[in-house]
Protein backbone atom coordinates (compact mmCIF):
# COMPACT_ATOMS: atom_id res chain seq x y z
CA MET A 1 -25.86 28.50 -26.50
CA THR A 2 -25.69 27.89 -23.19
CA ALA A 3 -25.65 23.98 -21.24
CA THR A 4 -25.74 23.66 -17.52
CA ALA A 5 -24.26 20.48 -15.79
CA VAL A 6 -23.73 19.39 -12.39
CA ALA A 7 -21.13 16.85 -10.95
CA HIS A 8 -20.34 15.62 -7.50
CA PRO A 9 -16.80 14.70 -6.09
CA ASN A 10 -15.44 11.37 -5.58
CA ILE A 11 -13.12 10.06 -2.85
CA ALA A 12 -10.68 7.85 -3.71
CA LEU A 13 -10.45 4.23 -2.14
CA VAL A 14 -7.08 3.25 -3.84
CA LYS A 15 -5.58 6.75 -4.24
CA TYR A 16 -4.30 8.55 -8.01
CA TRP A 17 -0.78 10.05 -6.77
CA GLY A 18 1.45 10.62 -9.57
CA LYS A 19 1.42 11.22 -13.41
CA ALA A 20 2.77 8.85 -16.21
CA ASP A 21 2.47 11.97 -18.49
CA ALA A 22 1.29 15.19 -17.19
CA ASP A 23 0.70 16.62 -20.85
CA LEU A 24 -2.00 14.38 -21.04
CA ALA A 25 -2.76 13.29 -17.45
CA LEU A 26 -2.06 10.13 -17.56
CA PRO A 27 -1.82 8.45 -14.15
CA ALA A 28 1.12 6.29 -13.11
CA THR A 29 -1.49 3.66 -11.66
CA GLY A 30 -4.61 3.20 -11.34
CA SER A 31 -7.21 4.20 -8.97
CA VAL A 32 -11.01 3.12 -7.61
CA SER A 33 -13.25 5.61 -6.33
CA MET A 34 -16.79 6.26 -4.80
CA GLY A 35 -18.54 9.02 -6.02
CA LEU A 36 -20.42 11.53 -2.72
CA ASP A 37 -24.03 12.14 -3.27
CA VAL A 38 -23.05 16.06 -1.49
CA PHE A 39 -20.94 18.72 -2.60
CA PRO A 40 -22.39 19.08 -5.94
CA THR A 41 -21.07 21.56 -8.66
CA THR A 42 -23.11 23.13 -11.16
CA THR A 43 -21.54 25.10 -13.71
CA SER A 44 -22.95 26.76 -16.72
CA VAL A 45 -21.26 27.11 -20.05
CA THR A 46 -22.61 30.11 -22.42
CA LEU A 47 -20.86 30.73 -26.30
CA GLN A 48 -20.18 34.10 -26.95
CA ASP A 49 -21.94 35.64 -29.91
CA SER A 50 -18.83 38.57 -29.94
CA GLN A 51 -15.18 38.29 -30.49
CA GLU A 52 -14.11 38.16 -27.19
CA ALA A 53 -10.55 38.07 -26.87
CA ARG A 54 -10.56 35.85 -23.92
CA ASP A 55 -12.70 33.76 -22.08
CA ALA A 56 -14.85 34.93 -18.73
CA PHE A 57 -14.77 32.46 -15.93
CA VAL A 58 -17.04 33.59 -12.54
CA LEU A 59 -16.50 31.17 -9.45
CA ASN A 60 -19.17 31.78 -6.79
CA GLY A 61 -20.15 34.94 -7.61
CA ARG A 62 -16.76 36.27 -7.99
CA VAL A 63 -14.61 36.72 -11.30
CA VAL A 64 -11.48 34.87 -11.61
CA GLU A 65 -8.73 35.72 -13.21
CA ASP A 66 -5.06 34.80 -13.78
CA GLY A 67 -4.05 30.89 -13.05
CA PRO A 68 -7.34 29.60 -12.33
CA LEU A 69 -8.64 31.62 -15.64
CA THR A 70 -5.68 30.34 -17.54
CA ARG A 71 -6.64 26.39 -16.49
CA VAL A 72 -10.29 26.86 -17.50
CA GLU A 73 -9.17 28.43 -20.89
CA ARG A 74 -6.61 25.93 -21.87
CA PHE A 75 -9.44 23.39 -21.05
CA LEU A 76 -11.70 25.00 -23.12
CA ASP A 77 -8.99 25.13 -25.88
CA LEU A 78 -9.52 20.67 -26.17
CA VAL A 79 -13.39 21.06 -26.30
CA ARG A 80 -13.09 23.84 -29.31
CA GLU A 81 -10.36 21.91 -31.14
CA LEU A 82 -12.62 18.65 -30.72
CA ALA A 83 -15.79 20.38 -31.78
CA GLY A 84 -13.98 22.19 -34.91
CA SER A 85 -14.94 25.59 -32.93
CA ASP A 86 -13.11 29.39 -32.47
CA ALA A 87 -16.00 30.74 -30.48
CA ARG A 88 -15.27 32.23 -26.88
CA ALA A 89 -17.16 30.96 -23.45
CA SER A 90 -18.26 32.16 -20.67
CA VAL A 91 -18.12 29.94 -17.65
CA GLU A 92 -20.13 30.31 -14.28
CA SER A 93 -19.57 27.83 -11.68
CA THR A 94 -21.14 26.94 -8.07
CA ASN A 95 -19.02 25.04 -6.15
CA THR A 96 -20.17 24.08 -2.90
CA VAL A 97 -17.01 21.78 -1.83
CA PRO A 98 -14.54 23.69 0.10
CA THR A 99 -12.07 24.91 -2.74
CA GLY A 100 -8.66 22.83 -2.34
CA ALA A 101 -9.09 21.52 1.00
CA GLY A 102 -8.44 17.96 -0.12
CA LEU A 103 -12.05 17.18 -0.88
CA ALA A 104 -11.94 16.86 -4.52
CA SER A 105 -13.32 20.28 -5.46
CA SER A 106 -11.46 19.88 -8.80
CA ALA A 107 -12.70 16.68 -9.46
CA SER A 108 -16.41 17.97 -9.33
CA GLY A 109 -15.57 21.33 -10.76
CA PHE A 110 -13.57 19.74 -14.14
CA ALA A 111 -16.43 17.10 -14.38
CA ALA A 112 -18.97 19.67 -14.47
CA LEU A 113 -17.09 22.15 -16.54
CA ALA A 114 -16.27 18.96 -19.16
CA THR A 115 -20.07 17.96 -19.25
CA ALA A 116 -21.42 21.64 -19.68
CA ALA A 117 -18.75 22.26 -22.25
CA ALA A 118 -19.37 19.08 -24.24
CA ALA A 119 -23.19 20.33 -24.90
CA ALA A 120 -22.81 23.74 -25.41
CA TYR A 121 -19.95 23.41 -27.80
CA GLY A 122 -22.44 20.44 -29.74
CA LEU A 123 -20.37 17.82 -28.65
CA ASP A 124 -22.25 14.63 -28.66
CA LEU A 125 -19.73 12.58 -26.37
CA SER A 126 -20.11 9.01 -24.96
CA GLU A 127 -19.23 8.50 -21.18
CA ARG A 128 -16.35 6.77 -21.70
CA ASP A 129 -15.21 9.98 -24.28
CA LEU A 130 -16.01 12.52 -21.49
CA SER A 131 -14.53 10.59 -18.72
CA ARG A 132 -11.10 11.14 -21.21
CA LEU A 133 -11.89 14.94 -21.62
CA ALA A 134 -12.47 15.48 -18.10
CA ARG A 135 -9.09 13.97 -17.10
CA ARG A 136 -7.03 16.59 -18.92
CA GLY A 137 -8.48 19.29 -16.66
CA SER A 138 -8.07 17.12 -13.46
CA GLY A 139 -7.12 13.60 -12.93
CA SER A 140 -9.50 12.89 -10.27
CA ALA A 141 -12.32 14.56 -12.60
CA THR A 142 -12.05 11.53 -14.63
CA ARG A 143 -13.68 9.58 -11.85
CA SER A 144 -16.55 11.82 -11.32
CA ILE A 145 -18.24 11.41 -14.51
CA PRO A 146 -19.64 7.98 -14.02
CA GLY A 147 -20.38 8.37 -10.55
CA GLY A 148 -21.52 5.21 -8.01
CA VAL A 149 -18.11 3.05 -7.39
CA SER A 150 -15.72 3.63 -10.51
CA VAL A 151 -12.49 1.98 -11.76
CA TRP A 152 -10.26 4.85 -13.44
CA HIS A 153 -7.77 2.61 -15.60
CA ALA A 154 -4.33 3.86 -16.35
CA GLY A 155 -3.13 3.44 -19.69
CA ASP A 156 -2.44 5.65 -22.93
CA ASP A 157 -4.36 8.71 -23.98
CA GLN A 158 -7.53 6.11 -25.36
CA GLY A 159 -7.12 3.74 -22.54
CA SER A 160 -7.13 5.92 -19.23
CA PHE A 161 -10.95 6.47 -18.47
CA ALA A 162 -13.21 5.62 -15.65
CA GLU A 163 -16.29 3.41 -15.52
CA THR A 164 -18.59 2.10 -13.01
CA ILE A 165 -17.85 -1.06 -11.30
CA PRO A 166 -20.35 -3.20 -8.61
CA ALA A 167 -19.24 -3.04 -5.27
CA PRO A 168 -21.08 -3.70 -2.05
CA PRO A 169 -23.42 -0.93 -0.60
CA MET A 170 -21.27 1.73 1.15
CA ALA A 171 -21.61 5.54 2.60
CA MET A 172 -19.16 8.00 3.48
CA VAL A 173 -19.05 10.26 6.44
CA VAL A 174 -16.92 13.58 6.14
CA VAL A 175 -15.14 14.96 8.94
CA THR A 176 -14.04 18.86 7.79
CA ILE A 177 -11.43 19.76 9.78
CA ASN A 178 -10.22 23.04 8.16
CA HIS A 179 -12.58 24.61 5.08
CA GLY A 180 -9.58 26.52 4.01
CA PRO A 181 -7.12 25.78 1.15
CA LYS A 182 -4.30 23.86 1.47
CA GLU A 183 -0.94 25.48 1.65
CA ILE A 184 0.54 22.86 -0.97
CA GLY A 185 -1.36 22.36 -3.80
CA SER A 186 -2.09 18.31 -5.18
CA ARG A 187 0.20 19.22 -8.23
CA GLU A 188 3.04 20.77 -6.93
CA ALA A 189 2.78 18.20 -4.42
CA MET A 190 2.82 15.24 -6.60
CA ARG A 191 5.85 16.92 -8.80
CA ARG A 192 7.52 16.99 -5.63
CA THR A 193 6.58 13.56 -4.13
CA ILE A 194 7.71 12.40 -7.76
CA ALA A 195 10.92 13.80 -7.74
CA THR A 196 12.24 13.38 -4.17
CA SER A 197 10.38 10.72 -2.12
CA PRO A 198 12.24 7.88 -1.88
CA PHE A 199 9.00 5.88 -1.08
CA TYR A 200 7.65 6.93 -4.43
CA PRO A 201 8.64 3.63 -6.74
CA ALA A 202 7.25 1.63 -4.26
CA TRP A 203 4.33 3.82 -4.32
CA VAL A 204 3.63 2.67 -7.41
CA THR A 205 4.31 -1.02 -7.19
CA SER A 206 2.20 -1.60 -4.04
CA THR A 207 -0.61 0.66 -5.76
CA THR A 208 -0.82 -1.33 -8.43
CA THR A 209 -1.21 -4.22 -6.70
CA THR A 210 -4.01 -2.96 -4.35
CA VAL A 211 -5.95 -2.08 -7.34
CA THR A 212 -5.78 -5.25 -8.51
CA ASP A 213 -7.17 -6.60 -4.71
CA MET A 214 -9.91 -4.03 -4.57
CA LEU A 215 -11.22 -4.74 -7.70
CA ASP A 216 -11.64 -8.33 -6.09
CA ALA A 217 -12.76 -7.25 -2.86
CA CYS A 218 -15.48 -4.99 -4.63
CA ALA A 219 -16.77 -7.90 -7.13
CA ALA A 220 -17.10 -10.06 -4.24
CA GLY A 221 -19.02 -7.43 -2.17
CA ASP A 222 -16.69 -7.72 0.43
CA PHE A 223 -16.81 -4.61 2.81
CA THR A 224 -14.56 -5.64 5.36
CA ARG A 225 -11.93 -5.92 2.63
CA VAL A 226 -12.73 -2.93 0.99
CA GLY A 227 -12.78 -1.04 3.90
CA GLU A 228 -8.88 -2.35 5.09
CA LEU A 229 -7.39 -1.42 1.57
CA THR A 230 -8.95 2.00 1.47
CA GLU A 231 -7.30 3.02 5.17
CA SER A 232 -4.09 1.36 4.39
CA ASN A 233 -3.86 2.96 0.79
CA ALA A 234 -4.08 6.35 2.07
CA LEU A 235 -1.72 5.93 5.29
CA ARG A 236 0.69 4.71 2.21
CA MET A 237 -0.09 7.85 0.16
CA HIS A 238 0.46 10.26 3.17
CA ALA A 239 3.61 8.71 3.87
CA THR A 240 4.94 8.57 0.44
CA ILE A 241 4.35 12.44 0.42
CA GLU A 242 5.65 13.02 3.87
CA GLY A 243 9.01 11.57 2.42
CA SER A 244 9.26 14.03 0.12
CA PHE A 245 11.88 16.66 0.20
CA PRO A 246 11.23 19.72 1.70
CA PRO A 247 8.50 17.30 3.30
CA ILE A 248 4.98 17.76 2.97
CA ARG A 249 2.72 17.08 6.00
CA TYR A 250 -1.04 17.11 4.86
CA LEU A 251 -2.06 14.97 8.01
CA THR A 252 -3.00 17.32 10.91
CA ALA A 253 -2.89 16.17 14.94
CA ARG A 254 -6.54 16.56 14.52
CA SER A 255 -6.89 14.46 11.50
CA VAL A 256 -4.54 11.77 13.20
CA ALA A 257 -7.07 12.24 16.27
CA VAL A 258 -10.20 11.23 13.34
CA PHE A 259 -8.20 8.00 12.47
CA ASP A 260 -7.66 6.99 15.64
CA ALA A 261 -11.30 7.31 16.91
CA VAL A 262 -12.22 5.18 13.81
CA ALA A 263 -10.05 2.44 14.83
CA GLU A 264 -11.61 2.80 18.38
CA LEU A 265 -14.83 2.42 16.78
CA ARG A 266 -13.97 -1.08 14.92
CA ALA A 267 -12.90 -2.25 18.18
CA SER A 268 -16.44 -1.70 19.78
CA GLY A 269 -17.84 -3.42 16.80
CA LEU A 270 -18.79 -0.63 14.61
CA GLU A 271 -17.36 -1.31 10.99
CA ALA A 272 -15.60 2.10 9.66
CA TYR A 273 -12.41 2.69 7.79
CA ALA A 274 -10.69 6.22 7.33
CA THR A 275 -9.19 7.66 4.46
CA ALA A 276 -7.90 11.27 3.56
CA ASP A 277 -6.81 12.82 0.42
CA ALA A 278 -4.50 15.59 -0.23
CA GLY A 279 -5.27 17.73 2.56
CA PRO A 280 -6.12 17.27 6.58
CA ASN A 281 -9.84 16.69 6.11
CA VAL A 282 -10.69 12.97 6.56
CA VAL A 283 -13.09 10.45 5.29
CA VAL A 284 -14.78 7.71 7.10
CA LEU A 285 -15.98 4.30 4.90
CA THR A 286 -18.77 3.05 6.67
CA LYS A 287 -22.19 1.08 5.83
CA PRO A 288 -24.97 2.67 4.57
CA GLU A 289 -27.02 1.73 7.43
CA ASP A 290 -24.19 2.34 10.04
CA ARG A 291 -23.20 6.04 8.78
CA GLY A 292 -25.77 8.07 11.36
CA ALA A 293 -24.23 6.21 14.14
CA VAL A 294 -20.24 7.01 12.84
CA ALA A 295 -21.57 10.85 12.42
CA SER A 296 -22.85 10.86 16.12
CA ALA A 297 -19.61 9.07 17.06
CA LEU A 298 -17.30 11.85 15.30
CA GLY A 299 -19.29 15.19 15.61
CA HIS A 300 -16.56 16.31 18.01
CA LEU A 301 -13.88 16.18 15.80
CA GLY A 302 -14.90 18.47 13.31
CA ASP A 303 -17.78 19.51 10.64
CA VAL A 304 -19.39 16.16 9.69
CA ILE A 305 -21.58 15.51 6.89
CA GLU A 306 -23.07 12.18 5.68
CA SER A 307 -23.04 11.12 2.19
CA GLY A 308 -24.50 7.93 -0.07
CA THR A 309 -23.26 7.42 -3.45
CA GLY A 310 -23.43 9.66 -5.97
CA PRO A 311 -24.75 9.68 -9.14
CA ALA A 312 -23.24 9.94 -13.10
CA ALA A 313 -22.04 13.70 -14.15
CA ARG A 314 -25.10 15.41 -15.97
CA VAL A 315 -26.53 17.84 -18.31
CA VAL A 316 -29.55 19.90 -16.12
CA ARG A 317 -30.52 22.43 -18.90
CA SER A 318 -29.39 23.12 -22.84
CA GLU A 319 -30.62 26.06 -24.57
CA GLY A 320 -30.15 26.60 -28.16
CA THR A 321 -27.33 23.93 -28.48
CA GLY A 322 -29.20 20.77 -30.11
CA SER A 323 -27.15 18.78 -28.09
CA GLN A 324 -28.24 16.01 -25.34
CA PRO A 325 -27.51 14.58 -22.24
CA VAL A 326 -24.48 12.05 -22.11
CA GLN A 327 -25.30 8.89 -22.80
CA LYS A 328 -23.30 5.70 -21.31
CA GLU A 329 -21.43 3.69 -23.64
CA THR A 330 -21.97 0.27 -23.89
CA ALA A 331 -19.51 -2.14 -22.77
CA GLU A 332 -16.94 -3.45 -25.39
């Protein structure tokens, strides 16, 4: 019983930062993101025939133990509960996005794991239910299930999922400044921000408004407004994080240099807007026809990769499970 799935990372246009319920991974606010068509994660889940004491996890060819394995096991326990199974599993994952560098490696990782595990354990989940499941592994993985431009709804356990929304044509240019893992992970940084940053309450109220504004801009096909909201929201998030005690600073001098270079591109007539998740690497939102020019202009500041809008998570191989790829749920 083996299933293999592929999922892609997403970059938030309106950021997710902070949980209303840590156990259920419910966000304090909604968020909006664009899926990438680069940096895929491919994950295979194979059910064990023998009565193994633990699940097994291999990431990029290396056996993983301790904390990361425990996190995978806890997620698989949720899948086993849904499936009514006690079978342990072997998980093998190849992740092409730099892990822990603020480029949504956990989003693609848990979206691929959720999709593969659901198929391996014989679950027939709608896209909406799969999005809810992925949320329990990593909040941002919620948005990597539907692909495209999507909104992740805040709410209770049943109401917090992601779905694709209409949006103007968009592309992204990823400027990777540091491929290594960040010193402070997102979960700890979120916890510290909520507990100590005096700016956090304002972040929640302003982001709730920004989500509404972003949905309106996407529905209207207003790329300029989408870009303005994207850059503003990113800077607000980083200001909120930097207000923590002790302070957490993800953006480096080179990160700021990219933001400055993007502002210069706009001043010269090339429409582009910078954003950054919880890490030093910067992603630039632009129009599809301009992404080559943006990439060329920023190539001296870091490793540059162009991306279009990414696909939904999907099962690419299923053996011996009798399961089918997840079907999109019709609108209610």
